[in-house]
Amino acid sequence: MFADDLDRLSALHSNGKLSDEEFSRAKARVLDGQDPGPAAHAAAAMNGLRRSRSNRWIGGVCGGLARVTGLEAWGWRLLFVLGLFLSGCSLLVYALLWIFVPNE
């Protein structure tokens, strides 16, 4: 993992995309383990989750999830309905998202 990141950094540096100072700082960040990684990116996406005002049938939850994840809103609606028939917990999840996720 570190080797891949360092290879990408050195490629950017050799192409002139990064200055010597930027390369040194980025390399130190990767080696010190300060690279945020995919978990931080997922957390940032979830912090950007908002209920849709334009793509909504009931509460806009599926439209908001579609914007964040890239899966179409009809796909999220289908997943919630399937979850409702299979275990019933998707109704609770939808209700909680409707309550706690703010509008756009």
Protein backbone atom coordinates (compact mmCIF):
# COMPACT_ATOMS: atom_id res chain seq x y z
CA MET A 1 0.00 0.00 0.00
CA PHE A 2 2.75 2.44 0.94
CA ALA A 3 4.77 1.35 -2.07
CA ASP A 4 1.88 2.12 -4.44
CA ASP A 5 1.38 5.55 -2.89
CA LEU A 6 5.09 6.31 -3.07
CA ASP A 7 5.23 5.17 -6.70
CA ARG A 8 2.34 7.49 -7.58
CA LEU A 9 3.99 10.37 -5.77
CA SER A 10 7.31 9.82 -7.50
CA ALA A 11 5.57 9.64 -10.87
CA LEU A 12 3.83 12.96 -10.18
CA HIS A 13 7.13 14.46 -9.05
CA SER A 14 9.03 13.22 -12.11
CA ASN A 15 6.30 14.59 -14.43
CA GLY A 16 6.63 18.00 -12.82
CA LYS A 17 3.18 17.93 -11.22
CA LEU A 18 4.67 18.18 -7.71
CA SER A 19 7.47 20.50 -6.63
CA ASP A 20 10.31 19.19 -4.49
CA GLU A 21 8.73 20.65 -1.36
CA GLU A 22 5.27 19.22 -2.12
CA PHE A 23 6.81 15.82 -2.86
CA SER A 24 8.71 15.86 0.46
CA ARG A 25 5.61 16.79 2.46
CA ALA A 26 3.43 14.20 0.72
CA LYS A 27 6.05 11.50 1.14
CA ALA A 28 6.39 12.29 4.86
CA ARG A 29 2.60 12.18 5.24
CA VAL A 30 2.42 8.75 3.60
CA LEU A 31 5.32 7.36 5.62
CA ASP A 32 3.96 8.74 8.90
CA GLY A 33 0.59 7.14 8.22
CA GLN A 34 -1.24 10.44 7.90
CA ASP A 35 -2.77 9.47 4.59
CA PRO A 36 -6.53 9.56 5.25
CA GLY A 37 -7.30 6.48 3.16
CA PRO A 38 -10.65 5.20 1.95
CA ALA A 39 -12.34 5.31 5.37
CA ALA A 40 -11.87 9.07 5.60
CA HIS A 41 -13.20 9.51 2.07
CA ALA A 42 -16.29 7.45 2.95
CA ALA A 43 -16.82 9.52 6.10
CA ALA A 44 -16.55 12.74 4.10
CA ALA A 45 -19.12 11.45 1.60
CA MET A 46 -21.53 10.53 4.40
CA ASN A 47 -21.08 13.98 5.96
CA GLY A 48 -22.14 15.39 2.59
CA LEU A 49 -25.33 13.31 2.56
CA ARG A 50 -28.42 15.47 2.17
CA ARG A 51 -32.01 14.55 1.36
CA SER A 52 -32.91 15.54 -2.18
CA ARG A 53 -35.52 18.21 -2.80
CA SER A 54 -35.89 17.45 -6.49
CA ASN A 55 -35.60 13.64 -6.63
CA ARG A 56 -38.08 12.57 -3.98
CA TRP A 57 -41.14 10.41 -3.65
CA ILE A 58 -41.58 10.44 0.12
CA GLY A 59 -38.70 12.01 2.01
CA GLY A 60 -35.88 12.43 -0.50
CA VAL A 61 -33.67 9.87 1.22
CA CYS A 62 -33.19 7.70 -1.87
CA GLY A 63 -32.43 10.74 -4.04
CA GLY A 64 -29.79 11.90 -1.55
CA LEU A 65 -28.24 8.44 -1.37
CA ALA A 66 -28.19 8.31 -5.16
CA ARG A 67 -26.23 11.55 -5.37
CA VAL A 68 -23.63 10.39 -2.84
CA THR A 69 -23.15 6.80 -4.04
CA GLY A 70 -23.74 6.95 -7.77
CA LEU A 71 -26.45 4.28 -7.66
CA GLU A 72 -29.69 5.53 -9.22
CA ALA A 73 -32.52 6.54 -6.87
CA TRP A 74 -34.79 3.81 -8.24
CA GLY A 75 -32.14 1.27 -7.18
CA TRP A 76 -32.18 2.58 -3.62
CA ARG A 77 -35.98 2.53 -3.62
CA LEU A 78 -35.93 -1.07 -4.79
CA LEU A 79 -33.42 -2.01 -2.07
CA PHE A 80 -35.56 -0.39 0.62
CA VAL A 81 -38.70 -2.19 -0.61
CA LEU A 82 -36.87 -5.54 -0.80
CA GLY A 83 -35.54 -4.96 2.70
CA LEU A 84 -39.03 -4.21 3.87
CA PHE A 85 -40.32 -7.52 2.53
CA LEU A 86 -37.34 -9.56 3.69
CA SER A 87 -36.79 -8.35 7.23
CA GLY A 88 -38.66 -5.12 7.81
CA CYS A 89 -35.62 -3.29 9.13
CA SER A 90 -35.34 -1.08 6.06
CA LEU A 91 -38.42 0.85 7.18
CA LEU A 92 -36.62 1.75 10.40
CA VAL A 93 -33.44 2.69 8.49
CA TYR A 94 -35.43 4.86 6.07
CA ALA A 95 -37.28 6.57 8.92
CA LEU A 96 -34.03 7.29 10.78
CA LEU A 97 -32.41 8.69 7.65
CA TRP A 98 -35.51 10.82 7.02
CA ILE A 99 -35.32 12.20 10.56
CA PHE A 100 -31.57 12.74 10.92
CA VAL A 101 -30.36 13.62 7.40
CA PRO A 102 -30.95 17.31 6.62
CA ASN A 103 -32.46 18.65 3.40
CA GLU A 104 -30.31 20.13 0.66
